[in-house]
Amino acid sequence: MAAELRSAEWYGDTDRNAYIHRAWMRRGLPHDAFSGRPHIAIANTASDLTPCNSHLTEVARSVRDGVHEAGGIPLELPVVSLGETQVRPTAMLWRNMAAMAAEEMFRANPVDGLVLLGGCDKFDSIEDLHARIDAPDLDVDAGSVLVLRGCGPRGCPGMPEVPNMPLPRKLPEQGVRDMVRVCDGRMSGTAYGTVVLHVAPEAAAGGPLALVRSGDCISLDVPGRSLTLDVPDAELAARTPNAATVAGYAAPRRGWERLYVDHVQGADTGADLDFLVGSSGSEVSRESH
């Protein structure tokens, strides 16, 4: 296994002593502490200059514990911090420096994987998204995660193609072409980008997505097939979702729409009505596109 790890090039039999081996031993670690164990870098954007990311220091501690428990070696790396409201004369140059610095730290050091800790911004409905996505003061950057909720079968209601989530206008102007987006709705097959769709249970059904707050850290691991809200369980238990988020946009009071909202299941089970589960269904005789 050690031969497959990138860090083995630094910690191999011939190079180990050349790379602060004695410093590791001073910390009380044995000489073979790194043999075959993957090194996972943690790029933490928390800084006194970016108070909105201050909570990521606690998140980083949890990430370190998780890496240790999984058998790896966590290594927290410094990154250039950006304070959108106070950087002069412009944050654009610093954005480029931040990206270059993080990439160079990753490439130049003996790490086998990278965890980036950045904040997220959430939108409670498609109307909220349209109203704020291009605001110059929207506190997001290329490392942020955009969360759009209230767009699932119950929340919208129905499943229109609402989460064709655009990037905030200021980011393409800076050369950003993609960012992670998370939504409990669906999108067109002609749309593109790194997007997680049909999150279930949806926010309007009381799923974890309803508890997300702007600034939370979200981890997406595609090979590991996991999407994680990195917030302590105790804090999540103390949170209450916004009433409008759970009720859905303009929740109907009566009629077919109300019947649908009360009985529709999640996207993960086909958005069927619960009282029809187990029925034979009907033949689809006409093309719907």
C-alpha atoms as a PDB file:
ATOM      1  CA  MET A   1       0.000   0.000   0.000  1.00  0.00           C
ATOM      2  CA  ALA A   2       2.816   2.420   0.889  1.00  0.00           C
ATOM      3  CA  ALA A   3       4.176   2.266  -2.659  1.00  0.00           C
ATOM      4  CA  GLU A   4       0.821   3.521  -3.979  1.00  0.00           C
ATOM      5  CA  LEU A   5       0.760   6.584  -1.747  1.00  0.00           C
ATOM      6  CA  ARG A   6       2.127   9.867  -3.004  1.00  0.00           C
ATOM      7  CA  SER A   7       3.573  10.589   0.435  1.00  0.00           C
ATOM      8  CA  ALA A   8       5.765   7.491   0.134  1.00  0.00           C
ATOM      9  CA  GLU A   9       8.025   9.529  -2.163  1.00  0.00           C
ATOM     10  CA  TRP A  10       8.863  11.685   0.874  1.00  0.00           C
ATOM     11  CA  TYR A  11       8.799   9.033   3.555  1.00  0.00           C
ATOM     12  CA  GLY A  12      10.466   6.185   1.683  1.00  0.00           C
ATOM     13  CA  ASP A  13      13.476   4.407   3.160  1.00  0.00           C
ATOM     14  CA  THR A  14      15.943   6.717   1.414  1.00  0.00           C
ATOM     15  CA  ASP A  15      14.140  10.039   1.827  1.00  0.00           C
ATOM     16  CA  ARG A  16      12.495   9.804   5.215  1.00  0.00           C
ATOM     17  CA  ASN A  17      15.380  11.281   7.203  1.00  0.00           C
ATOM     18  CA  ALA A  18      15.565  14.167   4.751  1.00  0.00           C
ATOM     19  CA  TYR A  19      12.038  15.267   5.584  1.00  0.00           C
ATOM     20  CA  ILE A  20      11.810  16.433   9.232  1.00  0.00           C
ATOM     21  CA  HIS A  21      11.804  12.842  10.468  1.00  0.00           C
ATOM     22  CA  ARG A  22      13.422  13.866  13.742  1.00  0.00           C
ATOM     23  CA  ALA A  23      10.786  16.570  14.257  1.00  0.00           C
ATOM     24  CA  TRP A  24       8.040  13.949  14.070  1.00  0.00           C
ATOM     25  CA  MET A  25       9.877  11.819  16.603  1.00  0.00           C
ATOM     26  CA  ARG A  26      10.113  14.813  18.962  1.00  0.00           C
ATOM     27  CA  ARG A  27       6.319  14.821  19.008  1.00  0.00           C
ATOM     28  CA  GLY A  28       6.457  11.342  20.489  1.00  0.00           C
ATOM     29  CA  LEU A  29       5.691   9.410  17.320  1.00  0.00           C
ATOM     30  CA  PRO A  30       7.529   6.155  16.518  1.00  0.00           C
ATOM     31  CA  HIS A  31       9.862   5.951  13.556  1.00  0.00           C
ATOM     32  CA  ASP A  32       7.369   3.911  11.533  1.00  0.00           C
ATOM     33  CA  ALA A  33       4.311   6.074  12.290  1.00  0.00           C
ATOM     34  CA  PHE A  34       3.871   7.051   8.648  1.00  0.00           C
ATOM     35  CA  SER A  35       4.646   3.775   6.937  1.00  0.00           C
ATOM     36  CA  GLY A  36       1.696   3.020   4.687  1.00  0.00           C
ATOM     37  CA  ARG A  37      -0.679   5.545   6.268  1.00  0.00           C
ATOM     38  CA  PRO A  38      -2.270   8.139   3.948  1.00  0.00           C
ATOM     39  CA  HIS A  39      -1.640  11.806   4.668  1.00  0.00           C
ATOM     40  CA  ILE A  40      -4.796  13.932   4.399  1.00  0.00           C
ATOM     41  CA  ALA A  41      -4.395  17.691   4.085  1.00  0.00           C
ATOM     42  CA  ILE A  42      -7.002  19.981   5.675  1.00  0.00           C
ATOM     43  CA  ALA A  43      -7.166  23.364   3.943  1.00  0.00           C
ATOM     44  CA  ASN A  44      -8.944  25.511   6.529  1.00  0.00           C
ATOM     45  CA  THR A  45     -10.172  28.963   5.492  1.00  0.00           C
ATOM     46  CA  ALA A  46     -10.850  30.081   9.071  1.00  0.00           C
ATOM     47  CA  SER A  47      -9.069  33.275  10.080  1.00  0.00           C
ATOM     48  CA  ASP A  48      -9.551  36.303  12.306  1.00  0.00           C
ATOM     49  CA  LEU A  49      -9.830  38.255   9.030  1.00  0.00           C
ATOM     50  CA  THR A  50     -12.793  36.131   7.925  1.00  0.00           C
ATOM     51  CA  PRO A  51     -15.095  36.008  10.972  1.00  0.00           C
ATOM     52  CA  CYS A  52     -17.856  34.264   9.005  1.00  0.00           C
ATOM     53  CA  ASN A  53     -15.557  31.218   8.801  1.00  0.00           C
ATOM     54  CA  SER A  54     -14.534  31.182  12.469  1.00  0.00           C
ATOM     55  CA  HIS A  55     -16.631  28.079  13.161  1.00  0.00           C
ATOM     56  CA  LEU A  56     -14.479  26.067  10.740  1.00  0.00           C
ATOM     57  CA  THR A  57     -11.778  25.808  13.410  1.00  0.00           C
ATOM     58  CA  GLU A  58     -14.090  23.498  15.354  1.00  0.00           C
ATOM     59  CA  VAL A  59     -14.989  21.646  12.166  1.00  0.00           C
ATOM     60  CA  ALA A  60     -11.288  21.116  11.445  1.00  0.00           C
ATOM     61  CA  ARG A  61     -10.846  19.446  14.835  1.00  0.00           C
ATOM     62  CA  SER A  62     -13.622  17.001  13.995  1.00  0.00           C
ATOM     63  CA  VAL A  63     -12.083  16.319  10.595  1.00  0.00           C
ATOM     64  CA  ARG A  64      -8.720  15.615  12.231  1.00  0.00           C
ATOM     65  CA  ASP A  65     -10.356  13.152  14.620  1.00  0.00           C
ATOM     66  CA  GLY A  66     -12.107  11.444  11.728  1.00  0.00           C
ATOM     67  CA  VAL A  67      -8.888  11.101   9.739  1.00  0.00           C
ATOM     68  CA  HIS A  68      -7.139   9.612  12.780  1.00  0.00           C
ATOM     69  CA  GLU A  69      -9.965   7.136  13.359  1.00  0.00           C
ATOM     70  CA  ALA A  70      -9.813   6.081   9.708  1.00  0.00           C
ATOM     71  CA  GLY A  71      -6.094   5.324  10.032  1.00  0.00           C
ATOM     72  CA  GLY A  72      -4.714   8.398   8.291  1.00  0.00           C
ATOM     73  CA  ILE A  73      -2.457  11.293   9.272  1.00  0.00           C
ATOM     74  CA  PRO A  74      -4.209  14.720   9.252  1.00  0.00           C
ATOM     75  CA  LEU A  75      -2.091  17.719   8.269  1.00  0.00           C
ATOM     76  CA  GLU A  76      -3.738  21.139   8.478  1.00  0.00           C
ATOM     77  CA  LEU A  77      -2.425  23.586   5.880  1.00  0.00           C
ATOM     78  CA  PRO A  78      -2.577  27.399   5.977  1.00  0.00           C
ATOM     79  CA  VAL A  79      -4.374  29.205   3.163  1.00  0.00           C
ATOM     80  CA  VAL A  80      -4.750  32.848   2.195  1.00  0.00           C
ATOM     81  CA  SER A  81      -7.881  34.260   3.877  1.00  0.00           C
ATOM     82  CA  LEU A  82     -10.290  36.628   2.172  1.00  0.00           C
ATOM     83  CA  GLY A  83     -12.384  39.197   3.989  1.00  0.00           C
ATOM     84  CA  GLU A  84     -14.806  40.361   1.299  1.00  0.00           C
ATOM     85  CA  THR A  85     -15.920  43.417   3.249  1.00  0.00           C
ATOM     86  CA  GLN A  86     -12.485  44.747   4.141  1.00  0.00           C
ATOM     87  CA  VAL A  87      -9.932  43.715   1.503  1.00  0.00           C
ATOM     88  CA  ARG A  88      -8.595  46.765  -0.355  1.00  0.00           C
ATOM     89  CA  PRO A  89      -8.603  47.707  -3.144  1.00  0.00           C
ATOM     90  CA  THR A  90     -10.084  44.469  -4.505  1.00  0.00           C
ATOM     91  CA  ALA A  91     -10.461  40.854  -3.488  1.00  0.00           C
ATOM     92  CA  MET A  92     -10.013  39.533  -7.028  1.00  0.00           C
ATOM     93  CA  LEU A  93      -6.197  39.462  -6.892  1.00  0.00           C
ATOM     94  CA  TRP A  94      -6.318  37.789  -3.511  1.00  0.00           C
ATOM     95  CA  ARG A  95      -8.719  35.167  -4.837  1.00  0.00           C
ATOM     96  CA  ASN A  96      -6.152  34.165  -7.427  1.00  0.00           C
ATOM     97  CA  MET A  97      -3.419  34.108  -4.794  1.00  0.00           C
ATOM     98  CA  ALA A  98      -5.575  31.995  -2.473  1.00  0.00           C
ATOM     99  CA  ALA A  99      -6.251  29.433  -5.184  1.00  0.00           C
ATOM    100  CA  MET A 100      -2.601  29.308  -6.263  1.00  0.00           C
ATOM    101  CA  ALA A 101      -1.360  29.055  -2.675  1.00  0.00           C
ATOM    102  CA  ALA A 102      -3.695  26.189  -1.799  1.00  0.00           C
ATOM    103  CA  GLU A 103      -2.774  24.296  -4.973  1.00  0.00           C
ATOM    104  CA  GLU A 104       0.947  24.813  -4.420  1.00  0.00           C
ATOM    105  CA  MET A 105       0.739  23.694  -0.785  1.00  0.00           C
ATOM    106  CA  PHE A 106      -1.029  20.537  -1.885  1.00  0.00           C
ATOM    107  CA  ARG A 107       1.395  19.762  -4.716  1.00  0.00           C
ATOM    108  CA  ALA A 108       4.565  20.598  -2.805  1.00  0.00           C
ATOM    109  CA  ASN A 109       3.892  18.595   0.347  1.00  0.00           C
ATOM    110  CA  PRO A 110       3.575  14.842   1.042  1.00  0.00           C
ATOM    111  CA  VAL A 111      -0.204  14.574   1.120  1.00  0.00           C
ATOM    112  CA  ASP A 112      -2.373  11.895  -0.468  1.00  0.00           C
ATOM    113  CA  GLY A 113      -5.764  13.586  -0.168  1.00  0.00           C
ATOM    114  CA  LEU A 114      -7.245  17.001   0.513  1.00  0.00           C
ATOM    115  CA  VAL A 115     -10.209  18.246   2.559  1.00  0.00           C
ATOM    116  CA  LEU A 116     -11.248  21.846   1.884  1.00  0.00           C
ATOM    117  CA  LEU A 117     -13.180  23.611   4.642  1.00  0.00           C
ATOM    118  CA  GLY A 118     -15.268  26.461   3.255  1.00  0.00           C
ATOM    119  CA  GLY A 119     -18.658  27.917   4.059  1.00  0.00           C
ATOM    120  CA  CYS A 120     -21.962  27.549   2.236  1.00  0.00           C
ATOM    121  CA  ASP A 121     -24.843  29.846   1.409  1.00  0.00           C
ATOM    122  CA  LYS A 122     -28.422  28.591   1.323  1.00  0.00           C
ATOM    123  CA  PHE A 123     -31.523  29.734  -0.529  1.00  0.00           C
ATOM    124  CA  ASP A 124     -34.973  28.853   0.845  1.00  0.00           C
ATOM    125  CA  SER A 125     -36.802  28.883  -2.492  1.00  0.00           C
ATOM    126  CA  ILE A 126     -36.292  29.516  -6.184  1.00  0.00           C
ATOM    127  CA  GLU A 127     -37.639  33.036  -5.588  1.00  0.00           C
ATOM    128  CA  ASP A 128     -35.005  33.595  -2.904  1.00  0.00           C
ATOM    129  CA  LEU A 129     -32.337  32.357  -5.324  1.00  0.00           C
ATOM    130  CA  HIS A 130     -33.432  34.697  -8.104  1.00  0.00           C
ATOM    131  CA  ALA A 131     -33.591  37.644  -5.707  1.00  0.00           C
ATOM    132  CA  ARG A 132     -30.090  37.228  -4.239  1.00  0.00           C
ATOM    133  CA  ILE A 133     -27.869  35.132  -6.518  1.00  0.00           C
ATOM    134  CA  ASP A 134     -26.341  38.118  -8.331  1.00  0.00           C
ATOM    135  CA  ALA A 135     -26.083  40.441  -5.326  1.00  0.00           C
ATOM    136  CA  PRO A 136     -22.548  41.898  -5.174  1.00  0.00           C
ATOM    137  CA  ASP A 137     -22.426  41.363  -1.405  1.00  0.00           C
ATOM    138  CA  LEU A 138     -23.379  37.656  -1.542  1.00  0.00           C
ATOM    139  CA  ASP A 139     -20.786  36.065   0.760  1.00  0.00           C
ATOM    140  CA  VAL A 140     -19.598  33.207  -1.474  1.00  0.00           C
ATOM    141  CA  ASP A 141     -16.467  32.317  -3.396  1.00  0.00           C
ATOM    142  CA  ALA A 142     -15.308  29.497  -5.664  1.00  0.00           C
ATOM    143  CA  GLY A 143     -14.872  27.188  -2.674  1.00  0.00           C
ATOM    144  CA  SER A 144     -18.387  27.721  -1.333  1.00  0.00           C
ATOM    145  CA  VAL A 145     -21.315  25.316  -1.646  1.00  0.00           C
ATOM    146  CA  LEU A 146     -24.645  26.721  -2.835  1.00  0.00           C
ATOM    147  CA  VAL A 147     -27.726  25.114  -1.271  1.00  0.00           C
ATOM    148  CA  LEU A 148     -31.194  25.520  -2.792  1.00  0.00           C
ATOM    149  CA  ARG A 149     -34.097  23.968  -0.901  1.00  0.00           C
ATOM    150  CA  GLY A 150     -37.867  24.001  -1.004  1.00  0.00           C
ATOM    151  CA  CYS A 151     -37.839  22.620  -4.565  1.00  0.00           C
ATOM    152  CA  GLY A 152     -38.771  18.977  -4.010  1.00  0.00           C
ATOM    153  CA  PRO A 153     -42.106  17.228  -4.662  1.00  0.00           C
ATOM    154  CA  ARG A 154     -43.669  18.629  -1.488  1.00  0.00           C
ATOM    155  CA  GLY A 155     -41.830  21.916  -1.177  1.00  0.00           C
ATOM    156  CA  CYS A 156     -42.403  23.417  -4.615  1.00  0.00           C
ATOM    157  CA  PRO A 157     -44.856  21.540  -4.897  1.00  0.00           C
ATOM    158  CA  GLY A 158     -44.290  19.242  -7.840  1.00  0.00           C
ATOM    159  CA  MET A 159     -40.906  18.864  -9.513  1.00  0.00           C
ATOM    160  CA  PRO A 160     -40.330  21.636 -12.059  1.00  0.00           C
ATOM    161  CA  GLU A 161     -36.847  22.193 -13.440  1.00  0.00           C
ATOM    162  CA  VAL A 162     -36.016  24.927 -10.958  1.00  0.00           C
ATOM    163  CA  PRO A 163     -32.500  24.088  -9.721  1.00  0.00           C
ATOM    164  CA  ASN A 164     -30.647  25.031 -12.893  1.00  0.00           C
ATOM    165  CA  MET A 165     -28.650  26.986 -10.369  1.00  0.00           C
ATOM    166  CA  PRO A 166     -26.549  29.697 -11.984  1.00  0.00           C
ATOM    167  CA  LEU A 167     -23.256  30.793 -10.537  1.00  0.00           C
ATOM    168  CA  PRO A 168     -23.300  34.164  -8.772  1.00  0.00           C
ATOM    169  CA  ARG A 169     -22.543  36.735 -11.458  1.00  0.00           C
ATOM    170  CA  LYS A 170     -19.414  37.981  -9.734  1.00  0.00           C
ATOM    171  CA  LEU A 171     -17.717  34.561  -9.899  1.00  0.00           C
ATOM    172  CA  PRO A 172     -17.693  33.989 -13.706  1.00  0.00           C
ATOM    173  CA  GLU A 173     -16.354  37.525 -13.995  1.00  0.00           C
ATOM    174  CA  GLN A 174     -13.387  36.272 -11.955  1.00  0.00           C
ATOM    175  CA  GLY A 175     -12.870  33.189 -14.120  1.00  0.00           C
ATOM    176  CA  VAL A 176     -14.818  30.672 -11.995  1.00  0.00           C
ATOM    177  CA  ARG A 177     -16.620  28.120 -14.168  1.00  0.00           C
ATOM    178  CA  ASP A 178     -18.067  25.674 -11.634  1.00  0.00           C
ATOM    179  CA  MET A 179     -18.859  25.232  -7.967  1.00  0.00           C
ATOM    180  CA  VAL A 180     -20.674  22.624  -5.890  1.00  0.00           C
ATOM    181  CA  ARG A 181     -24.457  23.061  -5.737  1.00  0.00           C
ATOM    182  CA  VAL A 182     -26.919  21.026  -3.652  1.00  0.00           C
ATOM    183  CA  CYS A 183     -30.697  20.942  -4.151  1.00  0.00           C
ATOM    184  CA  ASP A 184     -33.742  18.856  -3.252  1.00  0.00           C
ATOM    185  CA  GLY A 185     -35.282  19.462  -6.707  1.00  0.00           C
ATOM    186  CA  ARG A 186     -34.419  18.445 -10.266  1.00  0.00           C
ATOM    187  CA  MET A 187     -32.747  20.092 -13.234  1.00  0.00           C
ATOM    188  CA  SER A 188     -32.633  19.820 -16.991  1.00  0.00           C
ATOM    189  CA  GLY A 189     -30.365  17.264 -18.618  1.00  0.00           C
ATOM    190  CA  THR A 190     -28.923  20.087 -20.693  1.00  0.00           C
ATOM    191  CA  ALA A 191     -27.642  21.886 -17.586  1.00  0.00           C
ATOM    192  CA  TYR A 192     -24.101  21.270 -16.361  1.00  0.00           C
ATOM    193  CA  GLY A 193     -21.779  21.494 -13.392  1.00  0.00           C
ATOM    194  CA  THR A 194     -21.094  19.779 -10.081  1.00  0.00           C
ATOM    195  CA  VAL A 195     -24.643  19.496  -8.749  1.00  0.00           C
ATOM    196  CA  VAL A 196     -26.233  17.148  -6.196  1.00  0.00           C
ATOM    197  CA  LEU A 197     -29.942  16.747  -6.961  1.00  0.00           C
ATOM    198  CA  HIS A 198     -33.044  15.062  -5.480  1.00  0.00           C
ATOM    199  CA  VAL A 199     -31.682  15.309  -1.928  1.00  0.00           C
ATOM    200  CA  ALA A 200     -34.036  13.242   0.217  1.00  0.00           C
ATOM    201  CA  PRO A 201     -35.759  13.625   2.570  1.00  0.00           C
ATOM    202  CA  GLU A 202     -36.384  17.069   1.111  1.00  0.00           C
ATOM    203  CA  ALA A 203     -36.374  20.201   3.256  1.00  0.00           C
ATOM    204  CA  ALA A 204     -40.168  20.557   3.213  1.00  0.00           C
ATOM    205  CA  ALA A 205     -40.448  17.010   4.585  1.00  0.00           C
ATOM    206  CA  GLY A 206     -38.205  17.895   7.526  1.00  0.00           C
ATOM    207  CA  GLY A 207     -34.988  16.497   6.056  1.00  0.00           C
ATOM    208  CA  PRO A 208     -31.532  17.657   7.233  1.00  0.00           C
ATOM    209  CA  LEU A 209     -31.435  20.123   4.345  1.00  0.00           C
ATOM    210  CA  ALA A 210     -33.986  22.209   6.270  1.00  0.00           C
ATOM    211  CA  LEU A 211     -31.443  22.719   9.071  1.00  0.00           C
ATOM    212  CA  VAL A 212     -28.611  24.048   6.897  1.00  0.00           C
ATOM    213  CA  ARG A 213     -27.525  27.597   7.679  1.00  0.00           C
ATOM    214  CA  SER A 214     -25.345  29.931   5.679  1.00  0.00           C
ATOM    215  CA  GLY A 215     -21.731  29.387   6.713  1.00  0.00           C
ATOM    216  CA  ASP A 216     -22.119  25.664   7.463  1.00  0.00           C
ATOM    217  CA  CYS A 217     -19.466  23.315   6.112  1.00  0.00           C
ATOM    218  CA  ILE A 218     -20.665  20.635   3.676  1.00  0.00           C
ATOM    219  CA  SER A 219     -18.457  17.739   2.556  1.00  0.00           C
ATOM    220  CA  LEU A 220     -19.029  15.986  -0.771  1.00  0.00           C
ATOM    221  CA  ASP A 221     -17.191  12.694  -1.329  1.00  0.00           C
ATOM    222  CA  VAL A 222     -18.153  11.322  -4.745  1.00  0.00           C
ATOM    223  CA  PRO A 223     -16.038   8.124  -4.620  1.00  0.00           C
ATOM    224  CA  GLY A 224     -17.293   7.474  -1.083  1.00  0.00           C
ATOM    225  CA  ARG A 225     -20.891   8.291  -2.131  1.00  0.00           C
ATOM    226  CA  SER A 226     -21.476  10.624   0.809  1.00  0.00           C
ATOM    227  CA  LEU A 227     -22.846  14.126   1.337  1.00  0.00           C
ATOM    228  CA  THR A 228     -22.247  15.337   4.897  1.00  0.00           C
ATOM    229  CA  LEU A 229     -23.380  18.408   6.814  1.00  0.00           C
ATOM    230  CA  ASP A 230     -20.398  18.905   9.123  1.00  0.00           C
ATOM    231  CA  VAL A 231     -22.317  20.239  12.109  1.00  0.00           C
ATOM    232  CA  PRO A 232     -22.236  18.536  15.543  1.00  0.00           C
ATOM    233  CA  ASP A 233     -25.302  16.420  16.318  1.00  0.00           C
ATOM    234  CA  ALA A 234     -26.006  18.438  19.460  1.00  0.00           C
ATOM    235  CA  GLU A 235     -26.157  21.680  17.480  1.00  0.00           C
ATOM    236  CA  LEU A 236     -28.392  20.137  14.808  1.00  0.00           C
ATOM    237  CA  ALA A 237     -30.745  18.889  17.515  1.00  0.00           C
ATOM    238  CA  ALA A 238     -31.016  22.432  18.869  1.00  0.00           C
ATOM    239  CA  ARG A 239     -31.835  23.940  15.481  1.00  0.00           C
ATOM    240  CA  THR A 240     -35.368  24.452  14.207  1.00  0.00           C
ATOM    241  CA  PRO A 241     -36.026  24.815  10.487  1.00  0.00           C
ATOM    242  CA  ASN A 242     -37.531  27.988   9.137  1.00  0.00           C
ATOM    243  CA  ALA A 243     -41.319  27.528   9.145  1.00  0.00           C
ATOM    244  CA  ALA A 244     -41.628  28.632   5.528  1.00  0.00           C
ATOM    245  CA  THR A 245     -39.003  26.102   4.492  1.00  0.00           C
ATOM    246  CA  VAL A 246     -40.922  23.173   5.965  1.00  0.00           C
ATOM    247  CA  ALA A 247     -44.338  24.397   4.850  1.00  0.00           C
ATOM    248  CA  GLY A 248     -43.168  24.934   1.299  1.00  0.00           C
ATOM    249  CA  TYR A 249     -43.711  27.950  -0.893  1.00  0.00           C
ATOM    250  CA  ALA A 250     -47.338  29.164  -0.691  1.00  0.00           C
ATOM    251  CA  ALA A 251     -48.531  25.851   0.763  1.00  0.00           C
ATOM    252  CA  PRO A 252     -52.076  25.151  -0.515  1.00  0.00           C
ATOM    253  CA  ARG A 253     -54.969  24.933   1.942  1.00  0.00           C
ATOM    254  CA  ARG A 254     -57.332  22.664   0.011  1.00  0.00           C
ATOM    255  CA  GLY A 255     -58.005  20.848  -3.243  1.00  0.00           C
ATOM    256  CA  TRP A 256     -55.864  18.516  -5.327  1.00  0.00           C
ATOM    257  CA  GLU A 257     -52.695  20.475  -4.611  1.00  0.00           C
ATOM    258  CA  ARG A 258     -53.223  20.071  -0.867  1.00  0.00           C
ATOM    259  CA  LEU A 259     -53.919  16.359  -1.315  1.00  0.00           C
ATOM    260  CA  TYR A 260     -50.704  16.049  -3.300  1.00  0.00           C
ATOM    261  CA  VAL A 261     -48.579  17.862  -0.702  1.00  0.00           C
ATOM    262  CA  ASP A 262     -49.987  15.754   2.137  1.00  0.00           C
ATOM    263  CA  HIS A 263     -49.450  12.395   0.432  1.00  0.00           C
ATOM    264  CA  VAL A 264     -46.577  12.676  -2.060  1.00  0.00           C
ATOM    265  CA  GLN A 265     -43.476  10.645  -1.251  1.00  0.00           C
ATOM    266  CA  GLY A 266     -39.871  11.687  -1.767  1.00  0.00           C
ATOM    267  CA  ALA A 267     -37.925  11.816  -5.008  1.00  0.00           C
ATOM    268  CA  ASP A 268     -35.904   8.803  -3.866  1.00  0.00           C
ATOM    269  CA  THR A 269     -39.051   6.637  -4.035  1.00  0.00           C
ATOM    270  CA  GLY A 270     -40.412   8.065  -7.272  1.00  0.00           C
ATOM    271  CA  ALA A 271     -42.565  10.894  -5.864  1.00  0.00           C
ATOM    272  CA  ASP A 272     -45.551   8.531  -5.810  1.00  0.00           C
ATOM    273  CA  LEU A 273     -48.634   9.121  -3.653  1.00  0.00           C
ATOM    274  CA  ASP A 274     -48.506   7.024  -0.511  1.00  0.00           C
ATOM    275  CA  PHE A 275     -52.059   5.694  -0.899  1.00  0.00           C
ATOM    276  CA  LEU A 276     -51.224   4.382  -4.395  1.00  0.00           C
ATOM    277  CA  VAL A 277     -48.170   2.385  -3.343  1.00  0.00           C
ATOM    278  CA  GLY A 278     -48.666  -1.240  -4.367  1.00  0.00           C
ATOM    279  CA  SER A 279     -51.286  -0.486  -7.009  1.00  0.00           C
ATOM    280  CA  SER A 280     -50.859  -1.802 -10.535  1.00  0.00           C
ATOM    281  CA  GLY A 281     -50.354   1.570 -12.157  1.00  0.00           C
ATOM    282  CA  SER A 282     -51.356   2.622 -15.668  1.00  0.00           C
ATOM    283  CA  GLU A 283     -49.751   2.077 -19.042  1.00  0.00           C
ATOM    284  CA  VAL A 284     -47.970   5.126 -20.433  1.00  0.00           C
ATOM    285  CA  SER A 285     -49.452   5.380 -23.922  1.00  0.00           C
ATOM    286  CA  ARG A 286     -48.203   8.807 -25.021  1.00  0.00           C
ATOM    287  CA  GLU A 287     -44.746  10.333 -25.235  1.00  0.00           C
ATOM    288  CA  SER A 288     -44.477  13.137 -22.677  1.00  0.00           C
ATOM    289  CA  HIS A 289     -41.572  15.071 -24.207  1.00  0.00           C
END
